[in-house]
């Protein structure tokens, strides 16, 4: 296992562990985080762990033509049940992603250190959010890293039914219009699979990332 020093460097992802850990340690400076994302790597760890850097052997992604919108979801969209905004409440979105209760999870990987790091990336224009509102209340949203041709989704939340779906669908449609290659969902998630995301090999993801 490769342990990071202060040097701004990551080893090649093909040297990762079988589950996809590329390196351990380092820091969450904007420079290291952006190097990671541009290399197909992302941080994922909990409070009692060192920083773990991942590039899983299979990557969950959405190719925009494969987006699935159910008939019931189309009806919700057409009824204008939600209002969408972009990059107006980033700190609130990441806080809700951190605090929302999730089945099978006792805690959260969005630590205070991670929160501060991504708010800094937002201030620098790299991290972006989409917010979903209902009757003036923030009820859903997601955030991630914008690489210009790929958007790396980090986390989403929903306080009412379908709010996170609304955020995901709206983001996917916006990215497609702006000629992005794909929406990176990182690891397998049944909820996102139902919306059309699927796994591809790491080497194929890296090829798209570098193109």
N, C-alpha and C. Protein backbone atom coordinates (compact mmCIF):
# COMPACT_ATOMS: atom_id res chain seq x y z
N UNK A 1 0.84 -1.19 0.00
CA UNK A 1 0.00 0.00 0.00
C UNK A 1 0.88 1.25 0.00
N UNK A 2 0.51 2.23 -0.80
CA UNK A 2 1.32 3.44 -0.93
C UNK A 2 0.84 4.48 0.08
N UNK A 3 1.78 5.01 0.88
CA UNK A 3 1.47 6.05 1.85
C UNK A 3 1.95 7.39 1.31
N UNK A 4 1.03 8.34 1.23
CA UNK A 4 1.35 9.63 0.66
C UNK A 4 2.20 10.47 1.60
N UNK A 5 3.08 11.27 1.03
CA UNK A 5 3.87 12.25 1.77
C UNK A 5 3.33 13.64 1.42
N UNK A 6 4.10 14.65 1.71
CA UNK A 6 3.69 16.01 1.35
C UNK A 6 3.78 16.25 -0.16
N UNK A 7 4.52 15.40 -0.84
CA UNK A 7 4.64 15.53 -2.30
C UNK A 7 3.27 15.39 -2.95
N UNK A 8 3.00 16.23 -3.94
CA UNK A 8 1.72 16.20 -4.63
C UNK A 8 1.79 15.11 -5.71
N UNK A 9 1.41 13.90 -5.32
CA UNK A 9 1.60 12.74 -6.19
C UNK A 9 0.62 11.64 -5.80
N UNK A 10 0.16 10.89 -6.81
CA UNK A 10 -0.57 9.65 -6.59
C UNK A 10 0.08 8.56 -7.45
N UNK A 11 0.17 7.34 -6.94
CA UNK A 11 0.69 6.26 -7.76
C UNK A 11 -0.31 5.90 -8.85
N UNK A 12 0.12 5.20 -9.90
CA UNK A 12 -0.81 4.77 -10.94
C UNK A 12 -1.93 3.92 -10.35
N UNK A 13 -3.15 4.12 -10.84
CA UNK A 13 -4.29 3.45 -10.23
C UNK A 13 -4.26 1.94 -10.42
N UNK A 14 -3.52 1.45 -11.42
CA UNK A 14 -3.47 -0.01 -11.61
C UNK A 14 -2.70 -0.70 -10.49
N UNK A 15 -2.03 0.08 -9.65
CA UNK A 15 -1.33 -0.49 -8.50
C UNK A 15 -2.22 -0.54 -7.25
N UNK A 16 -3.47 -0.20 -7.39
CA UNK A 16 -4.37 -0.17 -6.23
C UNK A 16 -4.63 -1.57 -5.71
N UNK A 17 -5.18 -1.64 -4.50
CA UNK A 17 -5.57 -2.92 -3.91
C UNK A 17 -6.74 -3.51 -4.70
N UNK A 18 -7.06 -4.79 -4.51
CA UNK A 18 -8.15 -5.39 -5.28
C UNK A 18 -9.48 -4.65 -5.16
N UNK A 19 -9.75 -4.05 -3.99
CA UNK A 19 -11.00 -3.32 -3.83
C UNK A 19 -10.92 -1.89 -4.35
N UNK A 20 -9.71 -1.42 -4.67
CA UNK A 20 -9.58 -0.12 -5.30
C UNK A 20 -8.91 0.97 -4.49
N UNK A 21 -8.26 0.65 -3.36
CA UNK A 21 -7.54 1.68 -2.59
C UNK A 21 -6.21 1.96 -3.26
N UNK A 22 -6.03 3.21 -3.68
CA UNK A 22 -4.81 3.61 -4.39
C UNK A 22 -3.71 4.03 -3.42
N UNK A 23 -4.10 4.75 -2.37
CA UNK A 23 -3.11 5.30 -1.44
C UNK A 23 -3.79 5.65 -0.12
N UNK A 24 -2.96 5.89 0.89
CA UNK A 24 -3.42 6.26 2.22
C UNK A 24 -2.69 7.52 2.67
N UNK A 25 -3.41 8.40 3.36
CA UNK A 25 -2.77 9.56 3.96
C UNK A 25 -2.84 10.79 3.09
N UNK A 26 -1.87 11.66 3.27
CA UNK A 26 -1.87 12.91 2.54
C UNK A 26 -2.78 13.93 3.20
N UNK A 27 -3.40 14.77 2.38
CA UNK A 27 -4.24 15.85 2.90
C UNK A 27 -5.38 16.10 1.92
N UNK A 28 -6.23 17.05 2.28
CA UNK A 28 -7.39 17.39 1.45
C UNK A 28 -7.27 18.82 0.92
N UNK A 29 -6.07 19.21 0.55
CA UNK A 29 -5.89 20.52 -0.05
C UNK A 29 -6.58 20.55 -1.42
N UNK A 30 -6.96 21.72 -1.89
CA UNK A 30 -7.58 21.79 -3.22
C UNK A 30 -6.68 21.19 -4.31
N UNK A 31 -5.38 21.42 -4.22
CA UNK A 31 -4.46 20.92 -5.24
C UNK A 31 -4.46 19.39 -5.28
N UNK A 32 -4.42 18.76 -4.10
CA UNK A 32 -4.40 17.29 -4.08
C UNK A 32 -5.75 16.72 -4.50
N UNK A 33 -6.83 17.33 -4.04
CA UNK A 33 -8.15 16.83 -4.41
C UNK A 33 -8.36 16.91 -5.92
N UNK A 34 -8.00 18.01 -6.54
CA UNK A 34 -8.22 18.14 -7.97
C UNK A 34 -7.28 17.22 -8.76
N UNK A 35 -6.07 17.01 -8.29
CA UNK A 35 -5.20 16.03 -8.92
C UNK A 35 -5.84 14.64 -8.84
N UNK A 36 -6.42 14.33 -7.69
CA UNK A 36 -7.08 13.04 -7.53
C UNK A 36 -8.21 12.86 -8.54
N UNK A 37 -9.13 13.80 -8.60
CA UNK A 37 -10.27 13.66 -9.50
C UNK A 37 -9.82 13.59 -10.96
N UNK A 38 -8.83 14.38 -11.31
CA UNK A 38 -8.35 14.35 -12.69
C UNK A 38 -7.60 13.06 -13.01
N UNK A 39 -7.27 12.29 -11.98
CA UNK A 39 -6.60 11.00 -12.14
C UNK A 39 -7.55 9.82 -11.97
N UNK A 40 -8.83 10.10 -11.78
CA UNK A 40 -9.80 9.02 -11.58
C UNK A 40 -9.83 8.49 -10.16
N UNK A 41 -9.43 9.31 -9.20
CA UNK A 41 -9.32 8.92 -7.79
C UNK A 41 -10.21 9.83 -6.95
N UNK A 42 -10.78 9.29 -5.87
CA UNK A 42 -11.56 10.12 -4.96
C UNK A 42 -11.32 9.67 -3.52
N UNK A 43 -11.46 10.58 -2.55
CA UNK A 43 -11.29 10.20 -1.14
C UNK A 43 -12.59 9.63 -0.57
N UNK A 44 -12.44 8.65 0.31
CA UNK A 44 -13.61 8.03 0.94
C UNK A 44 -13.14 7.36 2.23
N UNK A 45 -13.49 7.93 3.36
CA UNK A 45 -13.01 7.41 4.64
C UNK A 45 -13.94 7.93 5.73
N UNK A 46 -13.81 7.37 6.93
CA UNK A 46 -14.61 7.79 8.06
C UNK A 46 -13.74 8.48 9.09
N UNK A 47 -14.38 9.04 10.11
CA UNK A 47 -13.69 9.87 11.10
C UNK A 47 -12.51 9.16 11.77
N UNK A 48 -12.65 7.86 12.03
CA UNK A 48 -11.62 7.15 12.77
C UNK A 48 -10.60 6.49 11.85
N UNK A 49 -10.59 6.87 10.58
CA UNK A 49 -9.67 6.29 9.61
C UNK A 49 -8.74 7.36 9.05
N UNK A 50 -7.57 6.94 8.54
CA UNK A 50 -6.77 7.88 7.76
C UNK A 50 -7.48 8.16 6.44
N UNK A 51 -7.02 9.15 5.70
CA UNK A 51 -7.61 9.44 4.40
C UNK A 51 -7.32 8.27 3.46
N UNK A 52 -8.36 7.72 2.88
CA UNK A 52 -8.22 6.63 1.91
C UNK A 52 -8.59 7.16 0.53
N UNK A 53 -7.76 6.85 -0.46
CA UNK A 53 -7.96 7.31 -1.83
C UNK A 53 -8.31 6.13 -2.72
N UNK A 54 -9.42 6.23 -3.44
CA UNK A 54 -10.00 5.09 -4.16
C UNK A 54 -10.06 5.31 -5.66
N UNK A 55 -9.86 4.22 -6.37
CA UNK A 55 -10.19 4.13 -7.79
C UNK A 55 -10.66 2.70 -8.03
N UNK A 56 -11.95 2.43 -7.81
CA UNK A 56 -12.44 1.05 -7.84
C UNK A 56 -12.28 0.42 -9.22
N UNK A 57 -12.13 -0.90 -9.26
CA UNK A 57 -11.93 -1.59 -10.54
C UNK A 57 -13.12 -1.47 -11.48
N UNK A 58 -14.31 -1.23 -10.93
CA UNK A 58 -15.49 -0.96 -11.73
C UNK A 58 -16.07 0.38 -11.28
N UNK A 59 -16.42 1.21 -12.23
CA UNK A 59 -16.87 2.57 -11.93
C UNK A 59 -18.33 2.70 -12.34
N UNK A 60 -19.14 3.24 -11.43
CA UNK A 60 -20.55 3.47 -11.71
C UNK A 60 -20.68 4.82 -12.41
N UNK A 61 -21.27 4.81 -13.61
CA UNK A 61 -21.39 6.05 -14.39
C UNK A 61 -22.76 6.11 -15.04
N UNK A 62 -23.14 7.31 -15.44
CA UNK A 62 -24.33 7.49 -16.26
C UNK A 62 -23.91 8.08 -17.60
N UNK A 63 -24.23 7.33 -18.68
CA UNK A 63 -24.16 7.88 -20.02
C UNK A 63 -25.53 8.50 -20.31
N UNK A 64 -25.56 9.73 -20.69
CA UNK A 64 -26.81 10.50 -20.71
C UNK A 64 -27.93 9.90 -21.56
N UNK A 65 -27.64 9.28 -22.72
CA UNK A 65 -28.73 8.66 -23.46
C UNK A 65 -29.41 7.50 -22.72
N UNK A 66 -28.74 6.99 -21.67
CA UNK A 66 -29.28 5.86 -20.91
C UNK A 66 -30.07 6.29 -19.67
N UNK A 67 -30.24 7.59 -19.49
CA UNK A 67 -31.01 8.09 -18.36
C UNK A 67 -32.44 7.54 -18.41
N UNK A 68 -32.89 7.00 -17.29
CA UNK A 68 -34.25 6.43 -17.21
C UNK A 68 -35.13 7.34 -16.36
N UNK A 69 -36.21 7.81 -16.96
CA UNK A 69 -37.17 8.63 -16.22
C UNK A 69 -38.52 7.91 -16.29
N UNK A 70 -38.99 7.45 -15.15
CA UNK A 70 -40.25 6.70 -15.11
C UNK A 70 -41.43 7.60 -15.46
N UNK A 71 -42.53 6.97 -15.82
CA UNK A 71 -43.73 7.74 -16.15
C UNK A 71 -44.19 8.58 -14.96
N UNK A 72 -44.13 7.98 -13.77
CA UNK A 72 -44.55 8.73 -12.57
C UNK A 72 -43.63 9.92 -12.31
N UNK A 73 -42.32 9.73 -12.58
CA UNK A 73 -41.38 10.83 -12.38
C UNK A 73 -41.60 11.92 -13.43
N UNK A 74 -41.94 11.54 -14.64
CA UNK A 74 -42.24 12.55 -15.67
C UNK A 74 -43.45 13.37 -15.25
N UNK A 75 -44.43 12.72 -14.65
CA UNK A 75 -45.62 13.45 -14.18
C UNK A 75 -45.26 14.46 -13.10
N UNK A 76 -44.35 14.05 -12.19
CA UNK A 76 -43.91 14.96 -11.13
C UNK A 76 -43.18 16.15 -11.73
N UNK A 77 -42.31 15.90 -12.72
CA UNK A 77 -41.58 16.98 -13.37
C UNK A 77 -42.55 17.93 -14.07
N UNK A 78 -43.53 17.37 -14.76
CA UNK A 78 -44.47 18.20 -15.51
C UNK A 78 -45.38 19.03 -14.61
N UNK A 79 -45.58 18.57 -13.38
CA UNK A 79 -46.45 19.30 -12.45
C UNK A 79 -45.72 20.45 -11.75
N UNK A 80 -44.42 20.59 -12.03
CA UNK A 80 -43.62 21.65 -11.40
C UNK A 80 -43.74 21.61 -9.88
N UNK A 81 -43.63 20.39 -9.34
CA UNK A 81 -43.74 20.21 -7.89
C UNK A 81 -42.55 20.79 -7.15
N UNK A 82 -41.40 20.85 -7.86
CA UNK A 82 -40.16 21.32 -7.24
C UNK A 82 -39.62 22.53 -8.00
N UNK A 83 -38.83 23.33 -7.29
CA UNK A 83 -38.07 24.42 -7.89
C UNK A 83 -36.59 24.08 -7.78
N UNK A 84 -35.84 24.32 -8.86
CA UNK A 84 -34.42 24.00 -8.88
C UNK A 84 -33.57 25.26 -8.89
N UNK A 85 -32.45 25.22 -8.18
CA UNK A 85 -31.44 26.27 -8.27
C UNK A 85 -30.07 25.61 -8.39
N UNK A 86 -29.09 26.40 -8.83
CA UNK A 86 -27.74 25.89 -9.04
C UNK A 86 -26.75 26.74 -8.25
N UNK A 87 -25.98 26.08 -7.39
CA UNK A 87 -24.88 26.74 -6.68
C UNK A 87 -25.33 27.92 -5.82
N UNK A 88 -26.51 27.83 -5.25
CA UNK A 88 -26.98 28.90 -4.37
C UNK A 88 -26.92 28.53 -2.89
N UNK A 89 -26.77 27.24 -2.59
CA UNK A 89 -26.78 26.81 -1.18
C UNK A 89 -25.86 25.60 -1.01
N UNK A 90 -24.63 25.72 -1.50
CA UNK A 90 -23.71 24.58 -1.47
C UNK A 90 -23.49 24.05 -0.06
N UNK A 91 -23.20 24.94 0.88
CA UNK A 91 -22.92 24.52 2.25
C UNK A 91 -24.11 23.80 2.87
N UNK A 92 -25.32 24.25 2.54
CA UNK A 92 -26.52 23.60 3.07
C UNK A 92 -26.70 22.21 2.45
N UNK A 93 -26.38 22.08 1.18
CA UNK A 93 -26.50 20.78 0.52
C UNK A 93 -25.54 19.77 1.15
N UNK A 94 -24.28 20.15 1.30
CA UNK A 94 -23.32 19.20 1.85
C UNK A 94 -23.65 18.88 3.31
N UNK A 95 -24.18 19.85 4.05
CA UNK A 95 -24.58 19.60 5.44
C UNK A 95 -25.72 18.59 5.50
N UNK A 96 -26.68 18.72 4.60
CA UNK A 96 -27.79 17.78 4.57
C UNK A 96 -27.34 16.39 4.13
N UNK A 97 -26.42 16.33 3.16
CA UNK A 97 -25.87 15.04 2.75
C UNK A 97 -25.16 14.36 3.92
N UNK A 98 -24.50 15.15 4.74
CA UNK A 98 -23.78 14.62 5.90
C UNK A 98 -24.75 14.12 6.97
N UNK A 99 -25.83 14.85 7.20
CA UNK A 99 -26.70 14.58 8.35
C UNK A 99 -27.85 13.63 8.06
N UNK A 100 -28.18 13.41 6.79
CA UNK A 100 -29.34 12.59 6.47
C UNK A 100 -29.12 11.15 6.93
N UNK A 101 -30.14 10.53 7.47
CA UNK A 101 -30.05 9.14 7.91
C UNK A 101 -30.18 8.22 6.70
N UNK A 102 -29.28 7.25 6.58
CA UNK A 102 -29.30 6.32 5.46
C UNK A 102 -29.39 4.90 5.98
N UNK A 103 -30.16 4.08 5.31
CA UNK A 103 -30.33 2.68 5.71
C UNK A 103 -28.99 1.96 5.66
N UNK A 104 -28.67 1.25 6.73
CA UNK A 104 -27.45 0.45 6.77
C UNK A 104 -26.20 1.23 7.12
N UNK A 105 -26.33 2.52 7.42
CA UNK A 105 -25.17 3.33 7.77
C UNK A 105 -25.35 3.94 9.15
N UNK A 106 -24.36 3.68 10.01
CA UNK A 106 -24.44 4.22 11.37
C UNK A 106 -23.93 5.65 11.43
N UNK A 107 -22.98 5.98 10.55
CA UNK A 107 -22.41 7.32 10.55
C UNK A 107 -22.34 7.89 9.16
N UNK A 108 -21.34 8.74 8.94
CA UNK A 108 -21.19 9.37 7.63
C UNK A 108 -19.72 9.45 7.27
N UNK A 109 -19.42 9.39 5.97
CA UNK A 109 -18.05 9.59 5.51
C UNK A 109 -17.77 11.06 5.25
N UNK A 110 -18.81 11.91 5.33
CA UNK A 110 -18.62 13.35 5.11
C UNK A 110 -18.22 13.97 6.44
N UNK A 111 -16.96 13.87 6.76
CA UNK A 111 -16.43 14.37 8.04
C UNK A 111 -16.34 15.89 8.01
N UNK A 112 -16.05 16.48 9.15
CA UNK A 112 -15.84 17.93 9.20
C UNK A 112 -14.72 18.36 8.27
N UNK A 113 -13.66 17.55 8.23
CA UNK A 113 -12.52 17.84 7.35
C UNK A 113 -12.94 17.82 5.89
N UNK A 114 -13.75 16.81 5.53
CA UNK A 114 -14.25 16.72 4.15
C UNK A 114 -15.15 17.90 3.83
N UNK A 115 -16.03 18.25 4.76
CA UNK A 115 -16.95 19.37 4.53
C UNK A 115 -16.18 20.65 4.25
N UNK A 116 -15.21 20.95 5.08
CA UNK A 116 -14.42 22.17 4.90
C UNK A 116 -13.67 22.15 3.57
N UNK A 117 -13.14 20.98 3.21
CA UNK A 117 -12.37 20.87 1.98
C UNK A 117 -13.24 21.12 0.75
N UNK A 118 -14.46 20.59 0.75
CA UNK A 118 -15.32 20.74 -0.42
C UNK A 118 -15.96 22.13 -0.49
N UNK A 119 -16.19 22.74 0.65
CA UNK A 119 -16.64 24.14 0.62
C UNK A 119 -15.55 25.02 0.03
N UNK A 120 -14.30 24.72 0.35
CA UNK A 120 -13.19 25.46 -0.25
C UNK A 120 -13.15 25.24 -1.76
N UNK A 121 -13.36 24.01 -2.20
CA UNK A 121 -13.39 23.73 -3.64
C UNK A 121 -14.55 24.47 -4.32
N UNK A 122 -15.66 24.60 -3.60
CA UNK A 122 -16.78 25.35 -4.14
C UNK A 122 -16.41 26.83 -4.29
N UNK A 123 -15.74 27.37 -3.32
CA UNK A 123 -15.32 28.77 -3.38
C UNK A 123 -14.37 29.00 -4.56
N UNK A 124 -13.62 27.96 -4.93
CA UNK A 124 -12.68 28.06 -6.04
C UNK A 124 -13.33 27.74 -7.39
N UNK A 125 -14.60 27.33 -7.36
CA UNK A 125 -15.34 27.08 -8.59
C UNK A 125 -15.30 25.65 -9.09
N UNK A 126 -14.71 24.73 -8.32
CA UNK A 126 -14.60 23.34 -8.75
C UNK A 126 -15.76 22.47 -8.27
N UNK A 127 -16.21 22.69 -7.06
CA UNK A 127 -17.32 21.92 -6.49
C UNK A 127 -18.62 22.68 -6.71
N UNK A 128 -19.65 21.97 -7.17
CA UNK A 128 -20.91 22.62 -7.50
C UNK A 128 -22.09 21.83 -6.94
N UNK A 129 -23.21 22.51 -6.83
CA UNK A 129 -24.40 21.87 -6.25
C UNK A 129 -25.63 22.19 -7.07
N UNK A 130 -26.61 21.33 -6.94
CA UNK A 130 -27.95 21.60 -7.43
C UNK A 130 -28.89 21.45 -6.25
N UNK A 131 -29.79 22.41 -6.09
CA UNK A 131 -30.70 22.42 -4.94
C UNK A 131 -32.13 22.22 -5.41
N UNK A 132 -32.89 21.47 -4.65
CA UNK A 132 -34.30 21.20 -4.94
C UNK A 132 -35.13 21.78 -3.80
N UNK A 133 -36.07 22.66 -4.16
CA UNK A 133 -36.88 23.38 -3.17
C UNK A 133 -38.35 23.02 -3.33
N UNK A 134 -39.05 23.04 -2.20
CA UNK A 134 -40.51 22.86 -2.21
C UNK A 134 -41.10 23.80 -1.17
N UNK A 135 -41.95 24.69 -1.63
CA UNK A 135 -42.57 25.68 -0.74
C UNK A 135 -41.52 26.46 0.04
N UNK A 136 -40.42 26.80 -0.63
CA UNK A 136 -39.37 27.60 -0.01
C UNK A 136 -38.41 26.85 0.88
N UNK A 137 -38.58 25.54 1.01
CA UNK A 137 -37.70 24.72 1.86
C UNK A 137 -36.78 23.87 1.00
N UNK A 138 -35.52 23.77 1.42
CA UNK A 138 -34.57 22.91 0.74
C UNK A 138 -34.89 21.45 1.08
N UNK A 139 -35.33 20.69 0.10
CA UNK A 139 -35.80 19.32 0.36
C UNK A 139 -34.94 18.25 -0.32
N UNK A 140 -33.99 18.67 -1.14
CA UNK A 140 -33.14 17.70 -1.82
C UNK A 140 -32.01 18.40 -2.54
N UNK A 141 -31.06 17.59 -2.99
CA UNK A 141 -29.96 18.17 -3.75
C UNK A 141 -28.79 17.21 -3.85
N UNK A 142 -27.80 17.64 -4.58
CA UNK A 142 -26.56 16.87 -4.69
C UNK A 142 -25.41 17.83 -4.96
N UNK A 143 -24.19 17.32 -4.75
CA UNK A 143 -23.01 18.12 -5.04
C UNK A 143 -21.93 17.22 -5.62
N UNK A 144 -20.97 17.83 -6.27
CA UNK A 144 -19.87 17.08 -6.84
C UNK A 144 -18.82 17.99 -7.42
N UNK A 145 -17.88 17.38 -8.13
CA UNK A 145 -16.74 18.09 -8.71
C UNK A 145 -16.92 18.18 -10.22
N UNK A 146 -16.79 19.39 -10.73
CA UNK A 146 -16.96 19.65 -12.15
C UNK A 146 -15.60 19.70 -12.84
N UNK A 147 -15.34 18.71 -13.71
CA UNK A 147 -14.07 18.66 -14.42
C UNK A 147 -14.17 19.25 -15.82
N UNK A 148 -15.33 19.79 -16.18
CA UNK A 148 -15.48 20.43 -17.47
C UNK A 148 -16.03 19.52 -18.55
N UNK A 149 -15.70 18.22 -18.50
CA UNK A 149 -16.26 17.25 -19.44
C UNK A 149 -16.88 16.05 -18.73
N UNK A 150 -16.58 15.94 -17.45
CA UNK A 150 -17.15 14.92 -16.58
C UNK A 150 -17.53 15.59 -15.27
N UNK A 151 -18.71 15.25 -14.76
CA UNK A 151 -19.11 15.73 -13.43
C UNK A 151 -19.03 14.54 -12.48
N UNK A 152 -18.25 14.69 -11.43
CA UNK A 152 -18.05 13.60 -10.45
C UNK A 152 -19.01 13.81 -9.28
N UNK A 153 -20.11 13.10 -9.29
CA UNK A 153 -21.08 13.22 -8.21
C UNK A 153 -20.52 12.68 -6.91
N UNK A 154 -20.75 13.39 -5.82
CA UNK A 154 -20.23 12.98 -4.52
C UNK A 154 -21.32 12.43 -3.61
N UNK A 155 -22.39 13.16 -3.43
CA UNK A 155 -23.44 12.70 -2.53
C UNK A 155 -24.73 13.46 -2.84
N UNK A 156 -25.85 12.85 -2.45
CA UNK A 156 -27.15 13.49 -2.64
C UNK A 156 -28.00 13.23 -1.41
N UNK A 157 -29.05 14.02 -1.26
CA UNK A 157 -29.97 13.81 -0.14
C UNK A 157 -31.39 14.12 -0.59
N UNK A 158 -32.33 13.60 0.18
CA UNK A 158 -33.74 13.84 -0.10
C UNK A 158 -34.51 13.85 1.21
N UNK A 159 -35.27 14.90 1.44
CA UNK A 159 -36.13 14.98 2.62
C UNK A 159 -37.58 14.62 2.29
N UNK A 160 -37.94 14.65 1.03
CA UNK A 160 -39.26 14.26 0.57
C UNK A 160 -39.09 13.34 -0.63
N UNK A 161 -40.08 12.55 -0.91
CA UNK A 161 -40.00 11.58 -2.00
C UNK A 161 -39.65 12.28 -3.31
N UNK A 162 -38.71 11.67 -4.03
CA UNK A 162 -38.35 12.05 -5.39
C UNK A 162 -37.50 13.31 -5.51
N UNK A 163 -37.15 13.95 -4.41
CA UNK A 163 -36.35 15.18 -4.50
C UNK A 163 -34.94 14.90 -5.02
N UNK A 164 -34.30 13.84 -4.54
CA UNK A 164 -32.96 13.54 -5.03
C UNK A 164 -33.01 13.06 -6.48
N UNK A 165 -34.05 12.32 -6.85
CA UNK A 165 -34.22 11.93 -8.26
C UNK A 165 -34.32 13.17 -9.14
N UNK A 166 -35.07 14.14 -8.67
CA UNK A 166 -35.23 15.38 -9.42
C UNK A 166 -33.88 16.05 -9.65
N UNK A 167 -33.07 16.11 -8.61
CA UNK A 167 -31.74 16.72 -8.72
C UNK A 167 -30.88 15.97 -9.72
N UNK A 168 -30.87 14.65 -9.63
CA UNK A 168 -30.04 13.82 -10.50
C UNK A 168 -30.47 13.96 -11.96
N UNK A 169 -31.77 13.89 -12.21
CA UNK A 169 -32.28 13.99 -13.58
C UNK A 169 -31.98 15.36 -14.17
N UNK A 170 -32.23 16.41 -13.40
CA UNK A 170 -31.98 17.76 -13.90
C UNK A 170 -30.50 17.98 -14.20
N UNK A 171 -29.64 17.47 -13.32
CA UNK A 171 -28.21 17.61 -13.55
C UNK A 171 -27.80 16.86 -14.81
N UNK A 172 -28.28 15.62 -14.96
CA UNK A 172 -27.92 14.83 -16.14
C UNK A 172 -28.36 15.53 -17.42
N UNK A 173 -29.55 16.08 -17.43
CA UNK A 173 -30.05 16.76 -18.62
C UNK A 173 -29.25 18.02 -18.92
N UNK A 174 -28.88 18.73 -17.89
CA UNK A 174 -28.05 19.95 -18.07
C UNK A 174 -26.68 19.59 -18.62
N UNK A 175 -26.06 18.55 -18.07
CA UNK A 175 -24.73 18.15 -18.52
C UNK A 175 -24.77 17.66 -19.97
N UNK A 176 -25.81 16.94 -20.33
CA UNK A 176 -25.93 16.46 -21.71
C UNK A 176 -26.01 17.64 -22.68
N UNK A 177 -26.80 18.64 -22.33
CA UNK A 177 -26.93 19.82 -23.19
C UNK A 177 -25.60 20.55 -23.34
N UNK A 178 -24.76 20.46 -22.31
CA UNK A 178 -23.47 21.16 -22.33
C UNK A 178 -22.34 20.27 -22.83
N UNK A 179 -22.71 19.11 -23.41
CA UNK A 179 -21.77 18.20 -24.08
C UNK A 179 -20.75 17.55 -23.15
N UNK A 180 -21.13 17.31 -21.90
CA UNK A 180 -20.30 16.51 -21.01
C UNK A 180 -20.32 15.06 -21.48
N UNK A 181 -19.28 14.32 -21.13
CA UNK A 181 -19.16 12.93 -21.58
C UNK A 181 -20.00 11.98 -20.73
N UNK A 182 -19.98 12.20 -19.40
CA UNK A 182 -20.76 11.33 -18.51
C UNK A 182 -20.85 11.95 -17.13
N UNK A 183 -21.71 11.35 -16.31
CA UNK A 183 -21.85 11.70 -14.90
C UNK A 183 -21.26 10.55 -14.09
N UNK A 184 -20.20 10.82 -13.37
CA UNK A 184 -19.51 9.81 -12.55
C UNK A 184 -20.26 9.61 -11.24
N UNK A 185 -20.66 8.37 -10.98
CA UNK A 185 -21.38 8.03 -9.74
C UNK A 185 -20.51 7.22 -8.79
N UNK A 186 -19.27 6.98 -9.15
CA UNK A 186 -18.22 6.35 -8.34
C UNK A 186 -18.44 4.86 -8.07
N UNK A 187 -19.34 4.50 -7.17
CA UNK A 187 -19.52 3.09 -6.81
C UNK A 187 -20.98 2.69 -6.99
N UNK A 188 -21.19 1.40 -7.09
CA UNK A 188 -22.54 0.89 -7.38
C UNK A 188 -23.55 1.36 -6.34
N UNK A 189 -24.69 1.77 -6.85
CA UNK A 189 -25.79 2.24 -6.01
C UNK A 189 -27.09 1.85 -6.70
N UNK A 190 -27.93 1.07 -6.00
CA UNK A 190 -29.16 0.59 -6.60
C UNK A 190 -30.10 1.70 -7.03
N UNK A 191 -30.14 2.78 -6.25
CA UNK A 191 -31.00 3.92 -6.57
C UNK A 191 -30.59 4.54 -7.90
N UNK A 192 -29.28 4.72 -8.09
CA UNK A 192 -28.80 5.31 -9.33
C UNK A 192 -28.90 4.34 -10.50
N UNK A 193 -28.77 3.05 -10.20
CA UNK A 193 -28.95 2.05 -11.26
C UNK A 193 -30.37 2.13 -11.83
N UNK A 194 -31.35 2.39 -10.97
CA UNK A 194 -32.73 2.50 -11.43
C UNK A 194 -32.93 3.71 -12.34
N UNK A 195 -32.00 4.68 -12.26
CA UNK A 195 -32.07 5.88 -13.10
C UNK A 195 -31.21 5.75 -14.36
N UNK A 196 -30.59 4.60 -14.54
CA UNK A 196 -29.84 4.35 -15.77
C UNK A 196 -28.35 4.24 -15.62
N UNK A 197 -27.80 4.47 -14.44
CA UNK A 197 -26.36 4.36 -14.24
C UNK A 197 -25.95 2.89 -14.28
N UNK A 198 -24.72 2.65 -14.70
CA UNK A 198 -24.21 1.28 -14.76
C UNK A 198 -22.69 1.29 -14.53
N UNK A 199 -22.15 0.11 -14.27
CA UNK A 199 -20.73 -0.01 -14.02
C UNK A 199 -19.96 -0.24 -15.33
N UNK A 200 -18.81 0.41 -15.43
CA UNK A 200 -17.88 0.15 -16.52
C UNK A 200 -16.51 -0.14 -15.90
N UNK A 201 -15.62 -0.72 -16.68
CA UNK A 201 -14.29 -1.02 -16.18
C UNK A 201 -13.51 0.27 -15.92
N UNK A 202 -12.65 0.22 -14.92
CA UNK A 202 -11.83 1.39 -14.59
C UNK A 202 -11.04 1.88 -15.79
N UNK A 203 -10.47 0.99 -16.56
CA UNK A 203 -9.67 1.42 -17.71
C UNK A 203 -10.52 2.18 -18.72
N UNK A 204 -11.78 1.79 -18.87
CA UNK A 204 -12.65 2.50 -19.81
C UNK A 204 -13.02 3.88 -19.27
N UNK A 205 -13.24 3.95 -17.96
CA UNK A 205 -13.52 5.25 -17.34
C UNK A 205 -12.32 6.18 -17.50
N UNK A 206 -11.13 5.68 -17.25
CA UNK A 206 -9.93 6.50 -17.36
C UNK A 206 -9.70 6.97 -18.79
N UNK A 207 -10.04 6.15 -19.74
CA UNK A 207 -9.89 6.53 -21.15
C UNK A 207 -10.79 7.71 -21.48
N UNK A 208 -12.03 7.67 -20.97
CA UNK A 208 -12.96 8.79 -21.20
C UNK A 208 -12.48 10.02 -20.44
N UNK A 209 -12.01 9.82 -19.21
CA UNK A 209 -11.54 10.93 -18.38
C UNK A 209 -10.40 11.68 -19.06
N UNK A 210 -9.53 10.95 -19.73
CA UNK A 210 -8.36 11.56 -20.35
C UNK A 210 -8.60 12.07 -21.75
N UNK A 211 -9.78 11.83 -22.29
CA UNK A 211 -10.06 12.24 -23.67
C UNK A 211 -10.56 13.68 -23.75
